[in-house]
Amino acid sequence: MKVLYLAWQNPEDRNWVPVGRLSFENGVYRFVYTKGALRFANFIPFGRMTDLCAIYESEELFPLFANRLLSKSRPEYKDFLYWLNVKESEEDPLALLARSGGIRETDSLMVFPCPEKTEENTYHLHFFSQGIRYLPSETIRRINTLTPGHLLYLMPDPQNPNDLFAIALRTEDPPVIVGYIPRYLNRDFHAFLKEPPRNTRVVVERVNSEAPMQLRLLCSITTSWPEDFKPCSDPDYTPLAPLDNGSKEECNLQLSKNRPDLRL
């Protein structure tokens, strides 16, 4: 089974919260809302998926996610795969969503995978540097000079007015901030910062000078898997719908308590 989570940004305080879970198994896509969808009173369900307690199934990728992938008919599709550093033989929709984040330049939704421990007992993940469009032009020129394998360093930014847990990415010499890690990874990466520095390696995978800013700088992180580390274990990630075909009663009770306006 392949699993991705969908995060939504609250426009009022700009906080991100996981609100949905997308999986693919035995030729069927399944989408369920998670408890994070109950966190904010201004969250509205997507399209025709209005029942927060339902399990939505389809043999084709739901439009909510399909519309976040570049169509194969577009002339720049091969460039898109190149920007993601994905081979044509590996271009299944969930893999592309996981690598790209399904993000647009100005968007309030982001798709991401829940990291899994490798056979070598390590954490390994690709991600695009965020916030590049807000950086000075000279910094963007610096980013365009980076090459695959270039080491980057994690730098906590607790005075960031938009995110107390923000972590910047910087070069070594000269030290230049070249963006930020995606917000959904903040808590994980703070755990890595507690580990010995030699255990964590962040490198440039690809610089796409012709790509949109959100796909400009592809990075990867490899680090030892911290003891007792459990990604995506926060209650916000818990599905509202009973995936084992159980009763929807508990979900309805949660809706009655938190979002009575959405109870069907």
C-alpha atoms as a PDB file:
ATOM      1  CA  MET A   1       0.000   0.000   0.000  1.00  0.00           C
ATOM      2  CA  LYS A   2       1.138   3.533  -0.779  1.00  0.00           C
ATOM      3  CA  VAL A   3      -0.019   6.331   1.544  1.00  0.00           C
ATOM      4  CA  LEU A   4       0.120  10.107   1.179  1.00  0.00           C
ATOM      5  CA  TYR A   5      -1.268  12.849   3.401  1.00  0.00           C
ATOM      6  CA  LEU A   6      -2.903  16.089   2.333  1.00  0.00           C
ATOM      7  CA  ALA A   7      -2.092  19.216   4.341  1.00  0.00           C
ATOM      8  CA  TRP A   8      -4.211  22.385   4.294  1.00  0.00           C
ATOM      9  CA  GLN A   9      -3.044  25.872   5.245  1.00  0.00           C
ATOM     10  CA  ASN A  10      -5.414  27.933   7.360  1.00  0.00           C
ATOM     11  CA  PRO A  11      -5.554  31.356   5.655  1.00  0.00           C
ATOM     12  CA  GLU A  12      -6.172  33.093   8.990  1.00  0.00           C
ATOM     13  CA  ASP A  13      -3.019  32.046  10.875  1.00  0.00           C
ATOM     14  CA  ARG A  14      -1.137  30.268   8.022  1.00  0.00           C
ATOM     15  CA  ASN A  15      -0.737  27.097  10.087  1.00  0.00           C
ATOM     16  CA  TRP A  16      -0.606  23.800   8.202  1.00  0.00           C
ATOM     17  CA  VAL A  17      -2.556  20.761   9.337  1.00  0.00           C
ATOM     18  CA  PRO A  18      -3.048  17.291   7.790  1.00  0.00           C
ATOM     19  CA  VAL A  19      -6.692  17.001   6.735  1.00  0.00           C
ATOM     20  CA  GLY A  20      -6.748  13.931   4.470  1.00  0.00           C
ATOM     21  CA  ARG A  21      -5.166  10.570   3.718  1.00  0.00           C
ATOM     22  CA  LEU A  22      -4.812   9.127   0.199  1.00  0.00           C
ATOM     23  CA  SER A  23      -3.886   5.490  -0.358  1.00  0.00           C
ATOM     24  CA  PHE A  24      -3.631   3.100  -3.294  1.00  0.00           C
ATOM     25  CA  GLU A  25      -4.070  -0.657  -2.945  1.00  0.00           C
ATOM     26  CA  ASN A  26      -5.206  -3.413  -5.295  1.00  0.00           C
ATOM     27  CA  GLY A  27      -5.962  -0.950  -8.074  1.00  0.00           C
ATOM     28  CA  VAL A  28      -8.181   1.274  -5.914  1.00  0.00           C
ATOM     29  CA  TYR A  29      -7.552   4.799  -4.648  1.00  0.00           C
ATOM     30  CA  ARG A  30      -9.028   5.622  -1.234  1.00  0.00           C
ATOM     31  CA  PHE A  31      -9.386   9.014   0.379  1.00  0.00           C
ATOM     32  CA  VAL A  32     -10.459   9.725   3.947  1.00  0.00           C
ATOM     33  CA  TYR A  33     -10.435  12.869   6.019  1.00  0.00           C
ATOM     34  CA  THR A  34      -8.299  12.934   9.137  1.00  0.00           C
ATOM     35  CA  LYS A  35      -8.876  14.474  12.557  1.00  0.00           C
ATOM     36  CA  GLY A  36      -6.885  17.508  11.483  1.00  0.00           C
ATOM     37  CA  ALA A  37      -9.936  18.517   9.417  1.00  0.00           C
ATOM     38  CA  LEU A  38     -11.709  19.287  12.705  1.00  0.00           C
ATOM     39  CA  ARG A  39      -9.021  21.648  13.989  1.00  0.00           C
ATOM     40  CA  PHE A  40     -10.276  24.813  12.302  1.00  0.00           C
ATOM     41  CA  ALA A  41     -13.852  26.022  12.008  1.00  0.00           C
ATOM     42  CA  ASN A  42     -13.178  27.544   8.576  1.00  0.00           C
ATOM     43  CA  PHE A  43     -12.068  24.303   6.910  1.00  0.00           C
ATOM     44  CA  ILE A  44     -14.441  23.297   4.098  1.00  0.00           C
ATOM     45  CA  PRO A  45     -14.536  19.775   2.574  1.00  0.00           C
ATOM     46  CA  PHE A  46     -13.305  19.366  -0.991  1.00  0.00           C
ATOM     47  CA  GLY A  47     -15.631  19.306  -3.992  1.00  0.00           C
ATOM     48  CA  ARG A  48     -18.190  16.522  -3.827  1.00  0.00           C
ATOM     49  CA  MET A  49     -16.425  14.827  -0.911  1.00  0.00           C
ATOM     50  CA  THR A  50     -18.632  16.551   1.639  1.00  0.00           C
ATOM     51  CA  ASP A  51     -18.993  13.734   4.195  1.00  0.00           C
ATOM     52  CA  LEU A  52     -16.043  13.819   6.586  1.00  0.00           C
ATOM     53  CA  CYS A  53     -16.975  10.374   7.872  1.00  0.00           C
ATOM     54  CA  ALA A  54     -16.992   8.641   4.470  1.00  0.00           C
ATOM     55  CA  ILE A  55     -14.408   6.486   2.709  1.00  0.00           C
ATOM     56  CA  TYR A  56     -14.139   7.596  -0.909  1.00  0.00           C
ATOM     57  CA  GLU A  57     -12.992   4.991  -3.435  1.00  0.00           C
ATOM     58  CA  SER A  58     -12.135   5.216  -7.123  1.00  0.00           C
ATOM     59  CA  GLU A  59     -10.219   3.260  -9.747  1.00  0.00           C
ATOM     60  CA  GLU A  60      -8.940   6.608 -11.045  1.00  0.00           C
ATOM     61  CA  LEU A  61      -7.080   9.260  -9.119  1.00  0.00           C
ATOM     62  CA  PHE A  62      -9.478  11.772  -7.575  1.00  0.00           C
ATOM     63  CA  PRO A  63      -9.605  15.138  -9.417  1.00  0.00           C
ATOM     64  CA  LEU A  64      -8.411  16.883  -6.251  1.00  0.00           C
ATOM     65  CA  PHE A  65      -5.054  15.157  -6.739  1.00  0.00           C
ATOM     66  CA  ALA A  66      -5.011  14.542 -10.510  1.00  0.00           C
ATOM     67  CA  ASN A  67      -5.303  18.289 -11.112  1.00  0.00           C
ATOM     68  CA  ARG A  68      -2.064  18.738  -9.171  1.00  0.00           C
ATOM     69  CA  LEU A  69      -0.059  16.732 -11.686  1.00  0.00           C
ATOM     70  CA  LEU A  70       1.109  17.953 -15.065  1.00  0.00           C
ATOM     71  CA  SER A  71      -0.760  16.242 -17.890  1.00  0.00           C
ATOM     72  CA  LYS A  72       1.295  13.817 -19.983  1.00  0.00           C
ATOM     73  CA  SER A  73      -0.009  15.612 -23.057  1.00  0.00           C
ATOM     74  CA  ARG A  74       1.743  18.843 -22.075  1.00  0.00           C
ATOM     75  CA  PRO A  75       4.954  19.509 -24.035  1.00  0.00           C
ATOM     76  CA  GLU A  76       6.866  20.227 -20.806  1.00  0.00           C
ATOM     77  CA  TYR A  77       5.920  16.883 -19.195  1.00  0.00           C
ATOM     78  CA  LYS A  78       9.381  15.370 -19.743  1.00  0.00           C
ATOM     79  CA  ASP A  79      10.880  18.498 -18.202  1.00  0.00           C
ATOM     80  CA  PHE A  80       8.564  17.983 -15.224  1.00  0.00           C
ATOM     81  CA  LEU A  81       9.935  14.458 -14.689  1.00  0.00           C
ATOM     82  CA  TYR A  82      13.468  15.805 -15.020  1.00  0.00           C
ATOM     83  CA  TRP A  83      12.804  18.514 -12.435  1.00  0.00           C
ATOM     84  CA  LEU A  84      11.552  15.849 -10.025  1.00  0.00           C
ATOM     85  CA  ASN A  85      14.492  13.565 -10.833  1.00  0.00           C
ATOM     86  CA  VAL A  86      12.022  10.771 -11.615  1.00  0.00           C
ATOM     87  CA  LYS A  87      12.471   8.265 -14.432  1.00  0.00           C
ATOM     88  CA  GLU A  88       9.609   7.633 -16.857  1.00  0.00           C
ATOM     89  CA  SER A  89       9.459   4.049 -15.579  1.00  0.00           C
ATOM     90  CA  GLU A  90       8.764   5.382 -12.064  1.00  0.00           C
ATOM     91  CA  GLU A  91       6.083   7.915 -12.951  1.00  0.00           C
ATOM     92  CA  ASP A  92       3.097   6.498 -11.075  1.00  0.00           C
ATOM     93  CA  PRO A  93       0.805   9.277  -9.786  1.00  0.00           C
ATOM     94  CA  LEU A  94       1.477   8.814  -6.081  1.00  0.00           C
ATOM     95  CA  ALA A  95       5.236   8.839  -6.640  1.00  0.00           C
ATOM     96  CA  LEU A  96       4.952  12.098  -8.571  1.00  0.00           C
ATOM     97  CA  LEU A  97       2.706  13.650  -5.920  1.00  0.00           C
ATOM     98  CA  ALA A  98       5.079  12.547  -3.164  1.00  0.00           C
ATOM     99  CA  ARG A  99       8.095  14.076  -4.897  1.00  0.00           C
ATOM    100  CA  SER A 100       6.458  17.307  -6.121  1.00  0.00           C
ATOM    101  CA  GLY A 101       4.186  17.894  -3.127  1.00  0.00           C
ATOM    102  CA  GLY A 102       1.373  18.572  -5.565  1.00  0.00           C
ATOM    103  CA  ILE A 103       1.931  22.252  -4.871  1.00  0.00           C
ATOM    104  CA  ARG A 104       1.274  25.285  -7.003  1.00  0.00           C
ATOM    105  CA  GLU A 105       3.072  28.586  -6.695  1.00  0.00           C
ATOM    106  CA  THR A 106       0.315  30.153  -4.593  1.00  0.00           C
ATOM    107  CA  ASP A 107      -1.592  27.376  -2.913  1.00  0.00           C
ATOM    108  CA  SER A 108      -3.065  26.271   0.390  1.00  0.00           C
ATOM    109  CA  LEU A 109      -2.658  22.518  -0.151  1.00  0.00           C
ATOM    110  CA  MET A 110       0.351  20.224  -0.040  1.00  0.00           C
ATOM    111  CA  VAL A 111       0.730  16.470  -0.506  1.00  0.00           C
ATOM    112  CA  PHE A 112       3.440  14.484   1.267  1.00  0.00           C
ATOM    113  CA  PRO A 113       4.372  10.890   2.128  1.00  0.00           C
ATOM    114  CA  CYS A 114       4.772   9.556   5.638  1.00  0.00           C
ATOM    115  CA  PRO A 115       8.489   8.639   5.859  1.00  0.00           C
ATOM    116  CA  GLU A 116       9.353   4.964   6.270  1.00  0.00           C
ATOM    117  CA  LYS A 117      12.469   3.478   7.806  1.00  0.00           C
ATOM    118  CA  THR A 118      14.868   2.079   5.204  1.00  0.00           C
ATOM    119  CA  GLU A 119      16.462  -1.362   5.406  1.00  0.00           C
ATOM    120  CA  GLU A 120      19.614   0.398   6.635  1.00  0.00           C
ATOM    121  CA  ASN A 121      17.660   1.841   9.587  1.00  0.00           C
ATOM    122  CA  THR A 122      17.855   5.354   8.152  1.00  0.00           C
ATOM    123  CA  TYR A 123      15.513   8.172   7.228  1.00  0.00           C
ATOM    124  CA  HIS A 124      15.796   9.200   3.570  1.00  0.00           C
ATOM    125  CA  LEU A 125      13.503  11.705   1.895  1.00  0.00           C
ATOM    126  CA  HIS A 126      13.440  14.078  -1.080  1.00  0.00           C
ATOM    127  CA  PHE A 127      11.893  17.528  -0.770  1.00  0.00           C
ATOM    128  CA  PHE A 128      11.869  20.889  -2.534  1.00  0.00           C
ATOM    129  CA  SER A 129      13.184  23.964  -0.763  1.00  0.00           C
ATOM    130  CA  GLN A 130      10.291  26.274   0.100  1.00  0.00           C
ATOM    131  CA  GLY A 131       9.941  30.050   0.109  1.00  0.00           C
ATOM    132  CA  ILE A 132      12.471  30.707  -2.669  1.00  0.00           C
ATOM    133  CA  ARG A 133      10.204  33.235  -4.366  1.00  0.00           C
ATOM    134  CA  TYR A 134      10.565  35.494  -1.317  1.00  0.00           C
ATOM    135  CA  LEU A 135      14.377  35.520  -1.445  1.00  0.00           C
ATOM    136  CA  PRO A 136      16.472  38.339  -2.967  1.00  0.00           C
ATOM    137  CA  SER A 137      17.449  38.021  -6.620  1.00  0.00           C
ATOM    138  CA  GLU A 138      21.134  37.605  -5.725  1.00  0.00           C
ATOM    139  CA  THR A 139      20.224  34.606  -3.569  1.00  0.00           C
ATOM    140  CA  ILE A 140      18.305  33.017  -6.430  1.00  0.00           C
ATOM    141  CA  ARG A 141      21.364  33.515  -8.620  1.00  0.00           C
ATOM    142  CA  ARG A 142      23.396  31.730  -5.927  1.00  0.00           C
ATOM    143  CA  ILE A 143      20.919  28.848  -5.916  1.00  0.00           C
ATOM    144  CA  ASN A 144      21.319  28.483  -9.672  1.00  0.00           C
ATOM    145  CA  THR A 145      25.057  27.905  -9.178  1.00  0.00           C
ATOM    146  CA  LEU A 146      24.618  24.959  -6.806  1.00  0.00           C
ATOM    147  CA  THR A 147      25.410  21.491  -8.118  1.00  0.00           C
ATOM    148  CA  PRO A 148      24.218  17.968  -7.203  1.00  0.00           C
ATOM    149  CA  GLY A 149      25.888  16.755  -4.030  1.00  0.00           C
ATOM    150  CA  HIS A 150      26.400  20.261  -2.643  1.00  0.00           C
ATOM    151  CA  LEU A 151      26.061  20.096   1.149  1.00  0.00           C
ATOM    152  CA  LEU A 152      23.390  22.175   2.852  1.00  0.00           C
ATOM    153  CA  TYR A 153      22.914  22.838   6.552  1.00  0.00           C
ATOM    154  CA  LEU A 154      19.839  23.005   8.773  1.00  0.00           C
ATOM    155  CA  MET A 155      19.402  26.265  10.677  1.00  0.00           C
ATOM    156  CA  PRO A 156      16.462  26.670  13.116  1.00  0.00           C
ATOM    157  CA  ASP A 157      14.701  30.026  12.798  1.00  0.00           C
ATOM    158  CA  PRO A 158      12.658  30.399  16.026  1.00  0.00           C
ATOM    159  CA  GLN A 159      12.130  34.131  15.439  1.00  0.00           C
ATOM    160  CA  ASN A 160      10.368  33.503  12.150  1.00  0.00           C
ATOM    161  CA  PRO A 161       7.061  35.413  12.492  1.00  0.00           C
ATOM    162  CA  ASN A 162       5.183  32.846  10.387  1.00  0.00           C
ATOM    163  CA  ASP A 163       6.487  29.650  11.964  1.00  0.00           C
ATOM    164  CA  LEU A 164       8.256  29.225  15.312  1.00  0.00           C
ATOM    165  CA  PHE A 165       9.480  25.796  14.179  1.00  0.00           C
ATOM    166  CA  ALA A 166      10.868  27.010  10.842  1.00  0.00           C
ATOM    167  CA  ILE A 167      14.175  25.534   9.711  1.00  0.00           C
ATOM    168  CA  ALA A 168      16.189  27.300   7.029  1.00  0.00           C
ATOM    169  CA  LEU A 169      18.565  25.693   4.555  1.00  0.00           C
ATOM    170  CA  ARG A 170      21.922  27.405   4.143  1.00  0.00           C
ATOM    171  CA  THR A 171      25.123  26.947   2.232  1.00  0.00           C
ATOM    172  CA  GLU A 172      28.471  26.762   4.036  1.00  0.00           C
ATOM    173  CA  ASP A 173      30.838  29.213   2.350  1.00  0.00           C
ATOM    174  CA  PRO A 174      29.620  31.831   1.967  1.00  0.00           C
ATOM    175  CA  PRO A 175      26.679  31.148   4.304  1.00  0.00           C
ATOM    176  CA  VAL A 176      23.519  31.960   2.361  1.00  0.00           C
ATOM    177  CA  ILE A 177      19.930  30.953   3.180  1.00  0.00           C
ATOM    178  CA  VAL A 178      18.574  29.149   0.112  1.00  0.00           C
ATOM    179  CA  GLY A 179      15.057  28.473   1.368  1.00  0.00           C
ATOM    180  CA  TYR A 180      13.267  26.495   4.048  1.00  0.00           C
ATOM    181  CA  ILE A 181      12.285  22.908   4.559  1.00  0.00           C
ATOM    182  CA  PRO A 182       8.558  22.219   4.048  1.00  0.00           C
ATOM    183  CA  ARG A 183       6.532  22.954   7.163  1.00  0.00           C
ATOM    184  CA  TYR A 184       5.154  19.438   7.397  1.00  0.00           C
ATOM    185  CA  LEU A 185       8.736  18.237   8.052  1.00  0.00           C
ATOM    186  CA  ASN A 186       9.559  20.778  10.777  1.00  0.00           C
ATOM    187  CA  ARG A 187       8.853  18.590  13.796  1.00  0.00           C
ATOM    188  CA  ASP A 188      10.742  15.632  12.290  1.00  0.00           C
ATOM    189  CA  PHE A 189      13.785  17.719  11.449  1.00  0.00           C
ATOM    190  CA  HIS A 190      13.942  19.221  14.926  1.00  0.00           C
ATOM    191  CA  ALA A 191      14.299  15.647  16.189  1.00  0.00           C
ATOM    192  CA  PHE A 192      17.212  15.148  13.800  1.00  0.00           C
ATOM    193  CA  LEU A 193      18.930  18.277  15.105  1.00  0.00           C
ATOM    194  CA  LYS A 194      19.204  16.551  18.487  1.00  0.00           C
ATOM    195  CA  GLU A 195      21.215  13.757  16.906  1.00  0.00           C
ATOM    196  CA  PRO A 196      25.021  13.959  16.368  1.00  0.00           C
ATOM    197  CA  PRO A 197      25.604  16.261  13.339  1.00  0.00           C
ATOM    198  CA  ARG A 198      27.617  13.601  11.518  1.00  0.00           C
ATOM    199  CA  ASN A 199      24.488  11.437  11.298  1.00  0.00           C
ATOM    200  CA  THR A 200      22.563  13.942   9.172  1.00  0.00           C
ATOM    201  CA  ARG A 201      23.404  14.800   5.569  1.00  0.00           C
ATOM    202  CA  VAL A 202      21.360  17.264   3.493  1.00  0.00           C
ATOM    203  CA  VAL A 203      22.431  17.635  -0.129  1.00  0.00           C
ATOM    204  CA  VAL A 204      21.327  19.273  -3.357  1.00  0.00           C
ATOM    205  CA  GLU A 205      19.841  16.679  -5.713  1.00  0.00           C
ATOM    206  CA  ARG A 206      19.015  18.954  -8.624  1.00  0.00           C
ATOM    207  CA  VAL A 207      18.784  22.648  -9.459  1.00  0.00           C
ATOM    208  CA  ASN A 208      16.087  23.427 -12.026  1.00  0.00           C
ATOM    209  CA  SER A 209      16.919  26.933 -13.198  1.00  0.00           C
ATOM    210  CA  GLU A 210      14.079  26.897 -15.755  1.00  0.00           C
ATOM    211  CA  ALA A 211      11.430  25.481 -13.426  1.00  0.00           C
ATOM    212  CA  PRO A 212       8.822  27.355 -11.357  1.00  0.00           C
ATOM    213  CA  MET A 213      10.206  28.529  -8.025  1.00  0.00           C
ATOM    214  CA  GLN A 214       8.433  25.796  -6.048  1.00  0.00           C
ATOM    215  CA  LEU A 215      10.368  23.209  -8.113  1.00  0.00           C
ATOM    216  CA  ARG A 216      13.666  25.089  -8.299  1.00  0.00           C
ATOM    217  CA  LEU A 217      15.811  23.361  -5.659  1.00  0.00           C
ATOM    218  CA  LEU A 218      15.398  19.625  -5.067  1.00  0.00           C
ATOM    219  CA  CYS A 219      17.128  18.372  -1.918  1.00  0.00           C
ATOM    220  CA  SER A 220      17.402  15.138   0.008  1.00  0.00           C
ATOM    221  CA  ILE A 221      18.120  14.263   3.595  1.00  0.00           C
ATOM    222  CA  THR A 222      19.667  11.065   4.927  1.00  0.00           C
ATOM    223  CA  THR A 223      20.000  10.530   8.654  1.00  0.00           C
ATOM    224  CA  SER A 224      19.907   7.779  11.247  1.00  0.00           C
ATOM    225  CA  TRP A 225      16.404   6.906  12.416  1.00  0.00           C
ATOM    226  CA  PRO A 226      16.127   8.308  15.969  1.00  0.00           C
ATOM    227  CA  GLU A 227      15.137   5.901  18.715  1.00  0.00           C
ATOM    228  CA  ASP A 228      11.373   5.919  19.378  1.00  0.00           C
ATOM    229  CA  PHE A 229      10.861   8.196  16.363  1.00  0.00           C
ATOM    230  CA  LYS A 230       7.326   7.832  14.965  1.00  0.00           C
ATOM    231  CA  PRO A 231       6.469  10.107  12.041  1.00  0.00           C
ATOM    232  CA  CYS A 232       2.845  10.967  11.311  1.00  0.00           C
ATOM    233  CA  SER A 233       1.797   9.783  14.766  1.00  0.00           C
ATOM    234  CA  ASP A 234       0.051  12.986  15.856  1.00  0.00           C
ATOM    235  CA  PRO A 235      -3.737  12.573  16.341  1.00  0.00           C
ATOM    236  CA  ASP A 236      -4.301  14.967  13.413  1.00  0.00           C
ATOM    237  CA  TYR A 237      -3.182  12.123  11.098  1.00  0.00           C
ATOM    238  CA  THR A 238      -5.785   9.677  12.415  1.00  0.00           C
ATOM    239  CA  PRO A 239      -8.520   8.888   9.843  1.00  0.00           C
ATOM    240  CA  LEU A 240     -11.993  10.034  10.822  1.00  0.00           C
ATOM    241  CA  ALA A 241     -13.624   7.226   8.838  1.00  0.00           C
ATOM    242  CA  PRO A 242     -13.269   3.683  10.210  1.00  0.00           C
ATOM    243  CA  LEU A 243     -10.909   2.021   7.712  1.00  0.00           C
ATOM    244  CA  ASP A 244     -11.781  -1.419   9.059  1.00  0.00           C
ATOM    245  CA  ASN A 245     -15.433  -0.995   7.955  1.00  0.00           C
ATOM    246  CA  GLY A 246     -16.474  -0.328  11.515  1.00  0.00           C
ATOM    247  CA  SER A 247     -19.220   1.990  12.694  1.00  0.00           C
ATOM    248  CA  LYS A 248     -19.247   5.690  11.768  1.00  0.00           C
ATOM    249  CA  GLU A 249     -20.774   6.514  15.137  1.00  0.00           C
ATOM    250  CA  GLU A 250     -17.518   7.772  16.677  1.00  0.00           C
ATOM    251  CA  CYS A 251     -16.882  10.029  13.698  1.00  0.00           C
ATOM    252  CA  ASN A 252     -20.394  11.449  13.881  1.00  0.00           C
ATOM    253  CA  LEU A 253     -19.921  12.144  17.584  1.00  0.00           C
ATOM    254  CA  GLN A 254     -16.716  14.056  16.834  1.00  0.00           C
ATOM    255  CA  LEU A 255     -18.506  16.071  14.170  1.00  0.00           C
ATOM    256  CA  SER A 256     -21.339  16.872  16.563  1.00  0.00           C
ATOM    257  CA  LYS A 257     -18.819  18.160  19.066  1.00  0.00           C
ATOM    258  CA  ASN A 258     -16.405  19.998  16.774  1.00  0.00           C
ATOM    259  CA  ARG A 259     -18.157  20.733  13.462  1.00  0.00           C
ATOM    260  CA  PRO A 260     -21.930  20.271  13.777  1.00  0.00           C
ATOM    261  CA  ASP A 261     -22.293  22.341  10.592  1.00  0.00           C
ATOM    262  CA  LEU A 262     -20.657  19.509   8.600  1.00  0.00           C
ATOM    263  CA  ARG A 263     -22.622  16.604  10.024  1.00  0.00           C
ATOM    264  CA  LEU A 264     -24.783  14.951   7.360  1.00  0.00           C
END
